[in-house]
């Protein structure tokens, strides 16, 4: 497998080569007489900037896909794991808040963070992921 940085370097090299070819074509067609030299440099800089942004975004997307964990619960904090454990036991937001000595709004924030990190939309799906997990429950806080 080719490392990502080599792929990126090759792509940047190909884009640079294409720009050089375009520049030489403009010389052959005598188009360069109509534009100042600074416009060509500005065009090359903008093209390189756009290429760098596009390739960087693709690289980070590939890294994100490669770094998907076997256990999605590893991305949760200890408090979020505790809240998820209490959700799996059938506790309401009010009960969870009283057990953790926090406000209901704080519990709701933890639940929204859990849903986002696990990629679910409701408690039922989050509990399914929790029950399938091999991660041990968090220590009582």
Protein backbone atom coordinates (compact mmCIF):
# COMPACT_ATOMS: atom_id res chain seq x y z
CA UNK A 1 0.00 0.00 0.00
CA UNK A 2 1.29 3.43 -0.94
CA UNK A 3 1.61 5.83 2.02
CA UNK A 4 -0.76 8.82 1.89
CA UNK A 5 2.00 11.44 1.80
CA UNK A 6 3.42 9.89 -1.38
CA UNK A 7 -0.03 9.98 -3.00
CA UNK A 8 -0.38 13.64 -2.06
CA UNK A 9 3.09 14.46 -3.38
CA UNK A 10 2.32 12.73 -6.67
CA UNK A 11 -0.95 14.60 -7.06
CA UNK A 12 0.68 17.95 -6.34
CA UNK A 13 3.42 17.10 -8.84
CA UNK A 14 0.87 16.22 -11.52
CA UNK A 15 -1.05 19.45 -10.96
CA UNK A 16 2.18 21.45 -11.11
CA UNK A 17 3.18 19.68 -14.33
CA UNK A 18 -0.25 20.45 -15.81
CA UNK A 19 0.17 24.13 -14.92
CA UNK A 20 3.60 24.22 -16.55
CA UNK A 21 2.18 22.63 -19.69
CA UNK A 22 -0.64 25.19 -19.75
CA UNK A 23 1.88 27.99 -19.36
CA UNK A 24 3.97 26.65 -22.24
CA UNK A 25 0.85 26.36 -24.39
CA UNK A 26 0.07 30.01 -23.74
CA UNK A 27 3.60 30.84 -24.88
CA UNK A 28 3.07 28.88 -28.09
CA UNK A 29 -0.24 30.56 -28.75
CA UNK A 30 1.19 34.01 -27.92
CA UNK A 31 -1.48 34.60 -25.30
CA UNK A 32 1.13 35.81 -22.83
CA UNK A 33 1.29 39.16 -24.63
CA UNK A 34 -2.20 39.98 -23.41
CA UNK A 35 -1.58 39.35 -19.70
CA UNK A 36 1.00 40.57 -17.22
CA UNK A 37 3.45 38.09 -15.73
CA UNK A 38 1.99 38.71 -12.24
CA UNK A 39 -1.36 37.30 -13.35
CA UNK A 40 0.28 33.98 -14.22
CA UNK A 41 2.01 33.82 -10.86
CA UNK A 42 -1.23 34.68 -9.06
CA UNK A 43 -3.04 31.96 -11.03
CA UNK A 44 -0.37 29.38 -10.17
CA UNK A 45 -0.49 30.34 -6.48
CA UNK A 46 -4.28 30.10 -6.36
CA UNK A 47 -4.22 26.75 -8.17
CA UNK A 48 -1.61 25.41 -5.73
CA UNK A 49 -3.62 26.69 -2.76
CA UNK A 50 -6.84 25.07 -3.99
CA UNK A 51 -4.99 21.82 -4.71
CA UNK A 52 -3.46 21.81 -1.24
CA UNK A 53 -6.82 22.41 0.44
CA UNK A 54 -8.57 19.68 -1.58
CA UNK A 55 -5.81 17.12 -1.02
CA UNK A 56 -5.59 17.92 2.69
CA UNK A 57 -9.33 17.43 3.12
CA UNK A 58 -9.16 14.09 1.34
CA UNK A 59 -6.18 13.01 3.44
CA UNK A 60 -7.99 13.85 6.69
CA UNK A 61 -11.13 12.03 5.53
CA UNK A 62 -9.07 8.94 4.75
CA UNK A 63 -7.39 9.15 8.17
CA UNK A 64 -10.78 9.48 9.88
CA UNK A 65 -12.05 6.37 8.10
CA UNK A 66 -8.88 4.44 9.00
CA UNK A 67 -9.07 5.48 12.66
CA UNK A 68 -12.56 4.10 13.26
CA UNK A 69 -12.31 2.23 16.54
CA UNK A 70 -13.45 -1.33 17.11
CA UNK A 71 -15.10 -0.02 20.24
CA UNK A 72 -16.98 3.25 19.74
CA UNK A 73 -17.30 3.77 23.50
CA UNK A 74 -13.60 4.56 23.77
CA UNK A 75 -14.32 8.09 22.53
CA UNK A 76 -16.65 8.80 25.47
CA UNK A 77 -15.53 10.52 28.66
CA UNK A 78 -15.96 8.89 32.08
CA UNK A 79 -19.03 11.04 32.84
CA UNK A 80 -20.58 10.16 29.49
CA UNK A 81 -19.96 6.47 30.12
CA UNK A 82 -21.58 6.80 33.54
CA UNK A 83 -24.62 8.54 32.00
CA UNK A 84 -24.84 5.85 29.31
CA UNK A 85 -24.67 3.14 31.96
CA UNK A 86 -27.55 4.76 33.84
CA UNK A 87 -29.53 5.11 30.61
CA UNK A 88 -29.05 1.40 29.99
CA UNK A 89 -30.49 0.73 33.45
CA UNK A 90 -33.63 2.64 32.43
CA UNK A 91 -33.06 5.79 34.47
CA UNK A 92 -34.72 9.07 33.45
CA UNK A 93 -32.83 12.34 32.96
CA UNK A 94 -34.05 13.55 36.34
CA UNK A 95 -32.84 10.39 38.09
CA UNK A 96 -29.48 10.56 36.33
CA UNK A 97 -29.09 14.19 37.36
CA UNK A 98 -29.82 13.41 41.00
CA UNK A 99 -27.44 10.43 41.06
CA UNK A 100 -24.61 12.54 39.56
CA UNK A 101 -25.40 15.70 41.56
CA UNK A 102 -25.80 17.74 38.38
CA UNK A 103 -28.49 19.74 36.63
CA UNK A 104 -30.85 18.14 34.13
CA UNK A 105 -29.43 20.41 31.42
CA UNK A 106 -25.97 18.96 32.08
CA UNK A 107 -27.33 15.44 31.70
CA UNK A 108 -29.00 16.45 28.44
CA UNK A 109 -25.68 17.84 27.20
CA UNK A 110 -23.93 14.57 28.08
CA UNK A 111 -26.65 12.61 26.29
CA UNK A 112 -26.35 14.77 23.16
CA UNK A 113 -22.57 14.29 23.21
CA UNK A 114 -23.05 10.53 23.55
CA UNK A 115 -25.47 10.45 20.61
CA UNK A 116 -23.05 12.47 18.46
CA UNK A 117 -19.97 10.39 19.34
CA UNK A 118 -21.78 7.08 18.82
CA UNK A 119 -23.59 8.26 15.70
CA UNK A 120 -27.06 7.41 17.03
CA UNK A 121 -30.30 9.35 17.34
CA UNK A 122 -32.00 7.83 20.37
CA UNK A 123 -31.44 6.10 23.70
CA UNK A 124 -32.41 2.68 22.38
CA UNK A 125 -29.61 2.66 19.77
CA UNK A 126 -27.07 4.01 22.27
CA UNK A 127 -27.99 1.26 24.75
CA UNK A 128 -27.56 -1.38 22.02
CA UNK A 129 -24.04 -0.16 21.35
CA UNK A 130 -23.30 -0.07 25.09
CA UNK A 131 -24.53 -3.63 25.60
CA UNK A 132 -22.51 -4.95 22.64
CA UNK A 133 -19.38 -3.22 23.89
CA UNK A 134 -16.46 -5.07 25.43
CA UNK A 135 -15.45 -2.00 27.42
CA UNK A 136 -15.81 -2.42 31.15
CA UNK A 137 -18.22 -0.07 32.93
CA UNK A 138 -16.72 3.09 34.40
CA UNK A 139 -15.72 3.39 38.01
CA UNK A 140 -18.39 5.00 40.17
CA UNK A 141 -17.74 8.73 40.37
